[in-house]
Amino acid sequence: MKVYIDLMNGSELCSDAQKIEEVKEYDGAVFKVQSKQIIEGNDDIDIGANPSAEEQAEALADGATQVINLVSAHKLQKMEMDKKEYKALQKMWFKKFLGWLKENDESKVAEYKKVFPKLQEFYKMVIKNFDDFEFYIGELATLENGIIIPARWEDGGMAPVFYYYPIAMKEEKY
C-alpha cells in the first residue's frame, strides 16, 4: 500500500486504498480522492456489503459513529475558515512551500514552478466556489506548514471528494 505524506510536516494525507484520480483540467497538478462514509465504534465486522438503512441506524444507536474514511484513517483535522482566511493561508503556503523546496529538495523547484500556474487555477476555482468546500489539514500540520486540503460534496454524493497537490507529497510504501 502507498501512503501519501505531506512533505513539510510528515502528516499522512491519503493512501492508494482509495481510488486516486488525476484532475485532468489541472494537468497532473491536482488529484482527487472520493471518500466514503463509514461506521466506527461497534463490534460488527464489515464484510464489504453496503448496510441497509435499518442496519446503519441500528449500529449508530449502539454507540457507533458515522465518519468520513479519509478523515478517520489519516487523522485529518477539519479547519473552519472564511474566504479571506483561506486566501491568505493558501497564498502563504504557496510561498512557504517554494522556500521549503529550495532548502530541502532543490530538485523539485523547477517542477513546482512548472505546475504552479495550474495550482493557481485550482485555487481560483476553489475561491469561486468557496461555499461548496470544507477544508482539512494533516494531523501534524499547522495552518502555516501544511497543505490545506479542500473537500467538496459533489453531485449529491454521500461523502466529499478530497483534492491534493502531488508536488507537495511523497509516497511511502508499506
N, C-alpha and C. Protein backbone atom coordinates (compact mmCIF):
# COMPACT_ATOMS: atom_id res chain seq x y z
N MET A 1 0.85 -1.17 0.00
CA MET A 1 0.00 0.00 0.00
C MET A 1 0.89 1.24 0.00
N LYS A 2 0.49 2.24 -0.76
CA LYS A 2 1.19 3.52 -0.78
C LYS A 2 0.43 4.51 0.09
N VAL A 3 1.18 5.22 0.92
CA VAL A 3 0.62 6.29 1.74
C VAL A 3 1.25 7.58 1.26
N TYR A 4 0.44 8.62 1.13
CA TYR A 4 0.91 9.92 0.67
C TYR A 4 1.09 10.83 1.87
N ILE A 5 2.30 11.37 2.01
CA ILE A 5 2.74 12.12 3.18
C ILE A 5 3.01 13.58 2.79
N ASP A 6 2.56 14.52 3.63
CA ASP A 6 2.84 15.94 3.45
C ASP A 6 4.34 16.14 3.62
N LEU A 7 5.00 16.67 2.60
CA LEU A 7 6.46 16.85 2.65
C LEU A 7 6.90 17.75 3.79
N MET A 8 6.14 18.81 4.07
CA MET A 8 6.59 19.80 5.04
C MET A 8 6.45 19.36 6.49
N ASN A 9 5.50 18.49 6.81
CA ASN A 9 5.29 18.17 8.21
C ASN A 9 5.16 16.68 8.53
N GLY A 10 5.15 15.83 7.52
CA GLY A 10 5.12 14.39 7.75
C GLY A 10 3.75 13.79 8.03
N SER A 11 2.68 14.55 7.88
CA SER A 11 1.33 14.02 8.10
C SER A 11 0.92 13.08 6.98
N GLU A 12 0.26 11.97 7.35
CA GLU A 12 -0.36 11.11 6.35
C GLU A 12 -1.60 11.83 5.84
N LEU A 13 -1.77 11.87 4.51
CA LEU A 13 -2.90 12.60 3.93
C LEU A 13 -3.91 11.69 3.25
N CYS A 14 -3.44 10.63 2.61
CA CYS A 14 -4.32 9.68 1.95
C CYS A 14 -3.48 8.46 1.57
N SER A 15 -4.14 7.47 0.99
CA SER A 15 -3.40 6.28 0.54
C SER A 15 -4.07 5.74 -0.71
N ASP A 16 -3.38 4.80 -1.34
CA ASP A 16 -3.95 4.19 -2.53
C ASP A 16 -5.01 3.14 -2.19
N ALA A 17 -5.39 3.05 -0.92
CA ALA A 17 -6.52 2.20 -0.55
C ALA A 17 -7.81 2.79 -1.10
N GLN A 18 -7.80 4.08 -1.38
CA GLN A 18 -8.92 4.75 -2.04
C GLN A 18 -8.52 5.02 -3.49
N LYS A 19 -9.52 5.18 -4.33
CA LYS A 19 -9.26 5.45 -5.74
C LYS A 19 -8.74 6.88 -5.89
N ILE A 20 -7.57 7.02 -6.49
CA ILE A 20 -6.94 8.32 -6.72
C ILE A 20 -7.03 8.63 -8.21
N GLU A 21 -7.54 9.80 -8.53
CA GLU A 21 -7.67 10.20 -9.93
C GLU A 21 -7.03 11.56 -10.17
N GLU A 22 -6.32 11.67 -11.26
CA GLU A 22 -5.80 12.97 -11.67
C GLU A 22 -6.98 13.83 -12.13
N VAL A 23 -6.95 15.11 -11.75
CA VAL A 23 -7.97 16.05 -12.23
C VAL A 23 -7.43 16.61 -13.54
N LYS A 24 -7.98 16.13 -14.65
CA LYS A 24 -7.41 16.38 -15.97
C LYS A 24 -7.22 17.85 -16.32
N GLU A 25 -8.16 18.72 -15.93
CA GLU A 25 -8.04 20.12 -16.31
C GLU A 25 -6.87 20.83 -15.64
N TYR A 26 -6.22 20.17 -14.67
CA TYR A 26 -5.06 20.77 -14.00
C TYR A 26 -3.76 20.03 -14.33
N ASP A 27 -3.77 19.23 -15.38
CA ASP A 27 -2.56 18.61 -15.94
C ASP A 27 -1.64 17.94 -14.92
N GLY A 28 -2.21 17.20 -13.99
CA GLY A 28 -1.41 16.47 -13.03
C GLY A 28 -1.02 17.26 -11.79
N ALA A 29 -1.37 18.53 -11.73
CA ALA A 29 -1.03 19.35 -10.56
C ALA A 29 -1.94 19.06 -9.37
N VAL A 30 -3.10 18.46 -9.64
CA VAL A 30 -4.09 18.18 -8.60
C VAL A 30 -4.63 16.78 -8.83
N PHE A 31 -4.78 16.01 -7.75
CA PHE A 31 -5.54 14.77 -7.88
C PHE A 31 -6.64 14.76 -6.84
N LYS A 32 -7.61 13.88 -7.07
CA LYS A 32 -8.76 13.81 -6.18
C LYS A 32 -8.97 12.39 -5.69
N VAL A 33 -9.58 12.33 -4.51
CA VAL A 33 -9.88 11.05 -3.89
C VAL A 33 -11.32 11.11 -3.38
N GLN A 34 -12.14 10.18 -3.83
CA GLN A 34 -13.52 10.10 -3.36
C GLN A 34 -13.52 9.39 -2.00
N SER A 35 -14.05 10.06 -1.01
CA SER A 35 -14.14 9.44 0.31
C SER A 35 -15.45 8.67 0.44
N LYS A 36 -15.60 8.00 1.58
CA LYS A 36 -16.84 7.27 1.87
C LYS A 36 -17.20 7.52 3.33
N GLN A 37 -18.49 7.45 3.60
CA GLN A 37 -18.95 7.47 4.99
C GLN A 37 -18.85 6.04 5.51
N ILE A 38 -18.26 5.89 6.69
CA ILE A 38 -18.16 4.57 7.31
C ILE A 38 -18.66 4.66 8.75
N ILE A 39 -18.97 3.53 9.31
CA ILE A 39 -19.41 3.48 10.69
C ILE A 39 -18.29 2.87 11.52
N GLU A 40 -17.93 3.57 12.60
CA GLU A 40 -16.89 3.09 13.51
C GLU A 40 -17.45 2.98 14.92
N GLY A 41 -16.89 2.06 15.66
CA GLY A 41 -17.20 2.02 17.07
C GLY A 41 -18.12 0.90 17.51
N ASN A 42 -18.65 0.13 16.58
CA ASN A 42 -19.42 -1.04 17.00
C ASN A 42 -18.56 -2.27 16.73
N ASP A 43 -18.98 -3.39 17.23
CA ASP A 43 -18.16 -4.59 17.10
C ASP A 43 -18.49 -5.43 15.88
N ASP A 44 -19.40 -4.96 15.02
CA ASP A 44 -19.72 -5.71 13.82
C ASP A 44 -18.53 -5.68 12.87
N ILE A 45 -18.34 -6.75 12.18
CA ILE A 45 -17.26 -6.83 11.20
C ILE A 45 -17.81 -6.48 9.84
N ASP A 46 -17.16 -5.52 9.19
CA ASP A 46 -17.59 -5.06 7.87
C ASP A 46 -17.08 -6.04 6.84
N ILE A 47 -18.00 -6.71 6.14
CA ILE A 47 -17.59 -7.68 5.12
C ILE A 47 -17.65 -7.08 3.72
N GLY A 48 -17.81 -5.76 3.66
CA GLY A 48 -17.79 -5.08 2.38
C GLY A 48 -19.15 -4.83 1.77
N ALA A 49 -20.19 -5.39 2.34
CA ALA A 49 -21.53 -5.15 1.80
C ALA A 49 -22.04 -3.81 2.29
N ASN A 50 -22.86 -3.18 1.50
CA ASN A 50 -23.46 -1.92 1.92
C ASN A 50 -24.56 -2.22 2.93
N PRO A 51 -24.52 -1.57 4.09
CA PRO A 51 -25.56 -1.84 5.08
C PRO A 51 -26.89 -1.23 4.65
N SER A 52 -27.95 -1.88 5.05
CA SER A 52 -29.27 -1.30 4.80
C SER A 52 -29.44 -0.11 5.72
N ALA A 53 -30.43 0.72 5.45
CA ALA A 53 -30.69 1.88 6.30
C ALA A 53 -30.99 1.43 7.73
N GLU A 54 -31.70 0.31 7.88
CA GLU A 54 -32.02 -0.19 9.23
C GLU A 54 -30.76 -0.64 9.96
N GLU A 55 -29.87 -1.35 9.27
CA GLU A 55 -28.63 -1.80 9.89
C GLU A 55 -27.76 -0.61 10.31
N GLN A 56 -27.72 0.40 9.46
CA GLN A 56 -26.94 1.59 9.75
C GLN A 56 -27.50 2.31 10.97
N ALA A 57 -28.80 2.50 11.02
CA ALA A 57 -29.45 3.17 12.15
C ALA A 57 -29.23 2.38 13.44
N GLU A 58 -29.31 1.04 13.33
CA GLU A 58 -29.10 0.18 14.49
C GLU A 58 -27.68 0.31 15.02
N ALA A 59 -26.70 0.32 14.13
CA ALA A 59 -25.29 0.46 14.54
C ALA A 59 -25.06 1.81 15.22
N LEU A 60 -25.63 2.87 14.66
CA LEU A 60 -25.46 4.19 15.25
C LEU A 60 -26.14 4.27 16.61
N ALA A 61 -27.27 3.59 16.77
CA ALA A 61 -27.97 3.55 18.05
C ALA A 61 -27.16 2.79 19.09
N ASP A 62 -26.33 1.87 18.66
CA ASP A 62 -25.49 1.07 19.57
C ASP A 62 -24.20 1.79 19.96
N GLY A 63 -24.10 3.09 19.69
CA GLY A 63 -22.93 3.86 20.11
C GLY A 63 -21.87 4.04 19.05
N ALA A 64 -22.09 3.53 17.88
CA ALA A 64 -21.14 3.73 16.79
C ALA A 64 -21.31 5.15 16.24
N THR A 65 -20.33 5.59 15.49
CA THR A 65 -20.42 6.92 14.86
C THR A 65 -20.14 6.79 13.37
N GLN A 66 -20.74 7.69 12.62
CA GLN A 66 -20.51 7.72 11.19
C GLN A 66 -19.43 8.77 10.92
N VAL A 67 -18.39 8.37 10.19
CA VAL A 67 -17.25 9.24 9.91
C VAL A 67 -16.87 9.15 8.44
N ILE A 68 -16.06 10.09 7.99
CA ILE A 68 -15.51 10.05 6.63
C ILE A 68 -14.22 9.22 6.70
N ASN A 69 -14.12 8.21 5.84
CA ASN A 69 -12.99 7.28 5.91
C ASN A 69 -11.63 7.96 5.85
N LEU A 70 -11.44 8.92 4.96
CA LEU A 70 -10.14 9.59 4.85
C LEU A 70 -9.80 10.38 6.11
N VAL A 71 -10.79 11.04 6.66
CA VAL A 71 -10.58 11.83 7.87
C VAL A 71 -10.19 10.92 9.03
N SER A 72 -10.89 9.82 9.17
CA SER A 72 -10.62 8.89 10.26
C SER A 72 -9.28 8.16 10.08
N ALA A 73 -9.05 7.60 8.91
CA ALA A 73 -7.86 6.78 8.68
C ALA A 73 -6.57 7.59 8.76
N HIS A 74 -6.61 8.85 8.32
CA HIS A 74 -5.39 9.66 8.25
C HIS A 74 -5.38 10.80 9.26
N LYS A 75 -6.39 10.79 10.15
CA LYS A 75 -6.47 11.77 11.25
C LYS A 75 -6.43 13.21 10.74
N LEU A 76 -7.15 13.45 9.64
CA LEU A 76 -7.22 14.81 9.11
C LEU A 76 -8.03 15.68 10.07
N GLN A 77 -7.64 16.94 10.14
CA GLN A 77 -8.30 17.89 11.04
C GLN A 77 -9.10 18.89 10.21
N LYS A 78 -10.40 18.97 10.50
CA LYS A 78 -11.24 19.93 9.77
C LYS A 78 -10.94 21.33 10.28
N MET A 79 -10.81 22.27 9.34
CA MET A 79 -10.49 23.65 9.67
C MET A 79 -11.64 24.56 9.25
N GLU A 80 -12.12 25.34 10.17
CA GLU A 80 -13.15 26.33 9.84
C GLU A 80 -12.44 27.62 9.44
N MET A 81 -12.76 28.14 8.29
CA MET A 81 -12.17 29.40 7.86
C MET A 81 -13.09 30.08 6.87
N ASP A 82 -12.99 31.40 6.81
CA ASP A 82 -13.76 32.13 5.82
C ASP A 82 -12.91 32.31 4.57
N LYS A 83 -13.51 32.88 3.55
CA LYS A 83 -12.82 33.02 2.26
C LYS A 83 -11.55 33.86 2.40
N LYS A 84 -11.62 34.93 3.16
CA LYS A 84 -10.46 35.82 3.33
C LYS A 84 -9.31 35.06 4.00
N GLU A 85 -9.62 34.28 5.02
CA GLU A 85 -8.58 33.49 5.70
C GLU A 85 -7.99 32.45 4.76
N TYR A 86 -8.86 31.77 4.01
CA TYR A 86 -8.36 30.75 3.07
C TYR A 86 -7.42 31.39 2.05
N LYS A 87 -7.82 32.52 1.49
CA LYS A 87 -6.97 33.19 0.51
C LYS A 87 -5.59 33.50 1.10
N ALA A 88 -5.58 34.09 2.27
CA ALA A 88 -4.31 34.47 2.91
C ALA A 88 -3.46 33.23 3.21
N LEU A 89 -4.09 32.20 3.78
CA LEU A 89 -3.33 31.00 4.13
C LEU A 89 -2.81 30.25 2.91
N GLN A 90 -3.61 30.16 1.85
CA GLN A 90 -3.17 29.43 0.66
C GLN A 90 -2.04 30.18 -0.04
N LYS A 91 -2.15 31.51 -0.12
CA LYS A 91 -1.07 32.30 -0.72
C LYS A 91 0.21 32.15 0.09
N MET A 92 0.07 32.18 1.42
CA MET A 92 1.24 31.99 2.29
C MET A 92 1.84 30.61 2.07
N TRP A 93 0.99 29.58 1.94
CA TRP A 93 1.51 28.22 1.74
C TRP A 93 2.28 28.12 0.42
N PHE A 94 1.74 28.72 -0.65
CA PHE A 94 2.45 28.67 -1.94
C PHE A 94 3.88 29.19 -1.77
N LYS A 95 4.05 30.31 -1.08
CA LYS A 95 5.38 30.91 -0.87
C LYS A 95 6.23 30.05 0.06
N LYS A 96 5.65 29.62 1.17
CA LYS A 96 6.41 28.81 2.13
C LYS A 96 6.86 27.49 1.52
N PHE A 97 5.99 26.89 0.73
CA PHE A 97 6.35 25.61 0.14
C PHE A 97 7.53 25.78 -0.83
N LEU A 98 7.51 26.83 -1.63
CA LEU A 98 8.65 27.09 -2.52
C LEU A 98 9.93 27.27 -1.71
N GLY A 99 9.86 28.03 -0.62
CA GLY A 99 11.03 28.20 0.25
C GLY A 99 11.48 26.87 0.85
N TRP A 100 10.50 26.05 1.26
CA TRP A 100 10.83 24.74 1.82
C TRP A 100 11.55 23.89 0.78
N LEU A 101 11.05 23.90 -0.46
CA LEU A 101 11.71 23.12 -1.52
C LEU A 101 13.13 23.61 -1.76
N LYS A 102 13.33 24.90 -1.78
CA LYS A 102 14.68 25.46 -2.01
C LYS A 102 15.65 25.00 -0.93
N GLU A 103 15.17 24.87 0.29
CA GLU A 103 16.02 24.43 1.41
C GLU A 103 16.18 22.92 1.49
N ASN A 104 15.14 22.18 1.12
CA ASN A 104 15.13 20.74 1.39
C ASN A 104 15.15 19.82 0.18
N ASP A 105 14.71 20.31 -0.98
CA ASP A 105 14.65 19.44 -2.16
C ASP A 105 14.74 20.29 -3.43
N GLU A 106 15.89 20.86 -3.63
CA GLU A 106 16.13 21.78 -4.76
C GLU A 106 15.73 21.15 -6.10
N SER A 107 15.80 19.82 -6.19
CA SER A 107 15.48 19.15 -7.45
C SER A 107 14.01 19.31 -7.85
N LYS A 108 13.13 19.63 -6.90
CA LYS A 108 11.71 19.77 -7.21
C LYS A 108 11.28 21.21 -7.49
N VAL A 109 12.19 22.17 -7.34
CA VAL A 109 11.83 23.58 -7.53
C VAL A 109 11.33 23.84 -8.94
N ALA A 110 12.03 23.34 -9.95
CA ALA A 110 11.62 23.55 -11.35
C ALA A 110 10.25 22.92 -11.61
N GLU A 111 10.03 21.72 -11.07
CA GLU A 111 8.73 21.06 -11.24
C GLU A 111 7.61 21.88 -10.59
N TYR A 112 7.88 22.41 -9.39
CA TYR A 112 6.89 23.24 -8.70
C TYR A 112 6.56 24.48 -9.53
N LYS A 113 7.58 25.12 -10.05
CA LYS A 113 7.34 26.32 -10.87
C LYS A 113 6.54 25.98 -12.13
N LYS A 114 6.75 24.78 -12.65
CA LYS A 114 6.00 24.34 -13.83
C LYS A 114 4.52 24.11 -13.52
N VAL A 115 4.21 23.49 -12.38
CA VAL A 115 2.81 23.20 -12.04
C VAL A 115 2.11 24.36 -11.34
N PHE A 116 2.88 25.34 -10.89
CA PHE A 116 2.30 26.45 -10.12
C PHE A 116 1.13 27.14 -10.83
N PRO A 117 1.21 27.43 -12.13
CA PRO A 117 0.04 28.06 -12.78
C PRO A 117 -1.23 27.21 -12.67
N LYS A 118 -1.11 25.90 -12.74
CA LYS A 118 -2.27 25.02 -12.60
C LYS A 118 -2.77 24.99 -11.16
N LEU A 119 -1.84 25.06 -10.20
CA LEU A 119 -2.25 25.15 -8.80
C LEU A 119 -3.03 26.44 -8.56
N GLN A 120 -2.57 27.51 -9.17
CA GLN A 120 -3.28 28.79 -9.04
C GLN A 120 -4.67 28.72 -9.68
N GLU A 121 -4.78 28.05 -10.82
CA GLU A 121 -6.09 27.86 -11.46
C GLU A 121 -7.04 27.12 -10.52
N PHE A 122 -6.52 26.05 -9.91
CA PHE A 122 -7.34 25.29 -8.97
C PHE A 122 -7.75 26.17 -7.79
N TYR A 123 -6.80 26.92 -7.24
CA TYR A 123 -7.06 27.83 -6.13
C TYR A 123 -8.17 28.81 -6.50
N LYS A 124 -8.13 29.36 -7.69
CA LYS A 124 -9.15 30.32 -8.13
C LYS A 124 -10.52 29.64 -8.25
N MET A 125 -10.54 28.39 -8.69
CA MET A 125 -11.80 27.64 -8.76
C MET A 125 -12.38 27.44 -7.35
N VAL A 126 -11.51 27.13 -6.39
CA VAL A 126 -11.97 26.96 -5.01
C VAL A 126 -12.54 28.27 -4.49
N ILE A 127 -11.86 29.38 -4.75
CA ILE A 127 -12.35 30.69 -4.30
C ILE A 127 -13.72 30.98 -4.92
N LYS A 128 -13.85 30.72 -6.21
CA LYS A 128 -15.10 30.98 -6.92
C LYS A 128 -16.25 30.16 -6.32
N ASN A 129 -15.96 28.95 -5.88
CA ASN A 129 -16.98 28.03 -5.35
C ASN A 129 -16.78 27.78 -3.85
N PHE A 130 -16.28 28.77 -3.16
CA PHE A 130 -15.84 28.61 -1.78
C PHE A 130 -16.88 27.95 -0.87
N ASP A 131 -18.12 28.34 -1.00
CA ASP A 131 -19.16 27.80 -0.10
C ASP A 131 -19.43 26.31 -0.30
N ASP A 132 -18.93 25.74 -1.39
CA ASP A 132 -19.10 24.31 -1.64
C ASP A 132 -18.03 23.45 -0.96
N PHE A 133 -17.03 24.09 -0.36
CA PHE A 133 -15.86 23.37 0.15
C PHE A 133 -15.79 23.36 1.67
N GLU A 134 -15.18 22.29 2.18
CA GLU A 134 -14.72 22.18 3.56
C GLU A 134 -13.20 22.08 3.44
N PHE A 135 -12.49 22.34 4.53
CA PHE A 135 -11.03 22.34 4.47
C PHE A 135 -10.45 21.52 5.61
N TYR A 136 -9.37 20.80 5.28
CA TYR A 136 -8.72 19.91 6.23
C TYR A 136 -7.21 20.12 6.16
N ILE A 137 -6.53 19.75 7.24
CA ILE A 137 -5.07 19.69 7.25
C ILE A 137 -4.69 18.36 7.89
N GLY A 138 -3.43 17.97 7.70
CA GLY A 138 -2.95 16.72 8.27
C GLY A 138 -2.80 16.79 9.78
N GLU A 139 -2.67 15.64 10.38
CA GLU A 139 -2.60 15.51 11.84
C GLU A 139 -1.45 16.32 12.44
N LEU A 140 -0.30 16.35 11.80
CA LEU A 140 0.88 17.03 12.34
C LEU A 140 1.03 18.45 11.82
N ALA A 141 0.10 18.89 11.00
CA ALA A 141 0.22 20.19 10.34
C ALA A 141 -0.29 21.32 11.22
N THR A 142 0.21 22.50 10.90
CA THR A 142 -0.39 23.73 11.38
C THR A 142 -0.87 24.46 10.13
N LEU A 143 -1.59 25.54 10.32
CA LEU A 143 -2.04 26.28 9.15
C LEU A 143 -0.88 26.91 8.40
N GLU A 144 0.27 27.02 9.04
CA GLU A 144 1.43 27.62 8.39
C GLU A 144 2.32 26.62 7.67
N ASN A 145 2.25 25.33 8.04
CA ASN A 145 3.22 24.39 7.46
C ASN A 145 2.60 23.16 6.82
N GLY A 146 1.35 23.25 6.45
CA GLY A 146 0.74 22.07 5.86
C GLY A 146 -0.16 22.39 4.70
N ILE A 147 -0.35 21.41 3.85
CA ILE A 147 -1.26 21.54 2.73
C ILE A 147 -2.67 21.74 3.29
N ILE A 148 -3.38 22.70 2.75
CA ILE A 148 -4.80 22.86 3.07
C ILE A 148 -5.54 22.02 2.03
N ILE A 149 -6.27 21.04 2.50
CA ILE A 149 -6.93 20.07 1.62
C ILE A 149 -8.39 20.47 1.45
N PRO A 150 -8.75 20.97 0.26
CA PRO A 150 -10.16 21.27 0.02
C PRO A 150 -10.94 19.96 -0.21
N ALA A 151 -12.14 19.92 0.32
CA ALA A 151 -13.02 18.76 0.13
C ALA A 151 -14.39 19.29 -0.27
N ARG A 152 -14.98 18.66 -1.29
CA ARG A 152 -16.23 19.17 -1.86
C ARG A 152 -17.24 18.04 -2.00
N TRP A 153 -18.44 18.30 -1.54
CA TRP A 153 -19.54 17.35 -1.73
C TRP A 153 -20.06 17.57 -3.14
N GLU A 154 -19.85 16.60 -4.03
CA GLU A 154 -20.17 16.77 -5.44
C GLU A 154 -21.32 15.86 -5.87
N ASP A 155 -22.14 16.37 -6.76
CA ASP A 155 -23.18 15.59 -7.44
C ASP A 155 -24.04 14.79 -6.47
N GLY A 156 -24.42 15.39 -5.36
CA GLY A 156 -25.27 14.68 -4.40
C GLY A 156 -24.60 13.49 -3.76
N GLY A 157 -23.27 13.48 -3.74
CA GLY A 157 -22.52 12.36 -3.19
C GLY A 157 -22.78 12.15 -1.71
N MET A 158 -22.49 10.96 -1.25
CA MET A 158 -22.69 10.60 0.15
C MET A 158 -21.52 11.04 1.03
N ALA A 159 -20.39 11.40 0.39
CA ALA A 159 -19.20 11.84 1.11
C ALA A 159 -18.40 12.75 0.17
N PRO A 160 -17.57 13.62 0.73
CA PRO A 160 -16.87 14.58 -0.12
C PRO A 160 -15.71 14.00 -0.92
N VAL A 161 -15.35 14.74 -1.97
CA VAL A 161 -14.15 14.46 -2.76
C VAL A 161 -13.05 15.35 -2.20
N PHE A 162 -11.89 14.76 -1.89
CA PHE A 162 -10.75 15.50 -1.35
C PHE A 162 -9.76 15.77 -2.47
N TYR A 163 -9.17 16.97 -2.46
CA TYR A 163 -8.24 17.39 -3.51
C TYR A 163 -6.85 17.60 -2.92
N TYR A 164 -5.84 17.09 -3.62
CA TYR A 164 -4.47 17.11 -3.13
C TYR A 164 -3.52 17.63 -4.21
N TYR A 165 -2.37 18.14 -3.76
CA TYR A 165 -1.30 18.59 -4.66
C TYR A 165 -0.16 17.57 -4.62
N PRO A 166 -0.02 16.73 -5.62
CA PRO A 166 1.02 15.70 -5.59
C PRO A 166 2.44 16.26 -5.42
N ILE A 167 2.70 17.46 -5.92
CA ILE A 167 4.04 18.05 -5.80
C ILE A 167 4.44 18.21 -4.33
N ALA A 168 3.46 18.33 -3.45
CA ALA A 168 3.74 18.62 -2.04
C ALA A 168 3.70 17.36 -1.17
N MET A 169 3.68 16.19 -1.82
CA MET A 169 3.61 14.95 -1.06
C MET A 169 4.67 13.97 -1.54
N LYS A 170 4.99 13.05 -0.65
CA LYS A 170 5.86 11.93 -1.03
C LYS A 170 5.10 10.63 -0.80
N GLU A 171 5.46 9.64 -1.56
CA GLU A 171 4.85 8.31 -1.42
C GLU A 171 5.72 7.46 -0.52
N GLU A 172 5.09 6.75 0.40
CA GLU A 172 5.79 5.74 1.19
C GLU A 172 5.06 4.43 1.03
N LYS A 173 5.81 3.37 0.77
CA LYS A 173 5.20 2.05 0.60
C LYS A 173 5.26 1.30 1.93
N TYR A 174 4.13 0.65 2.23
CA TYR A 174 4.04 -0.16 3.45
C TYR A 174 3.73 -1.59 3.09
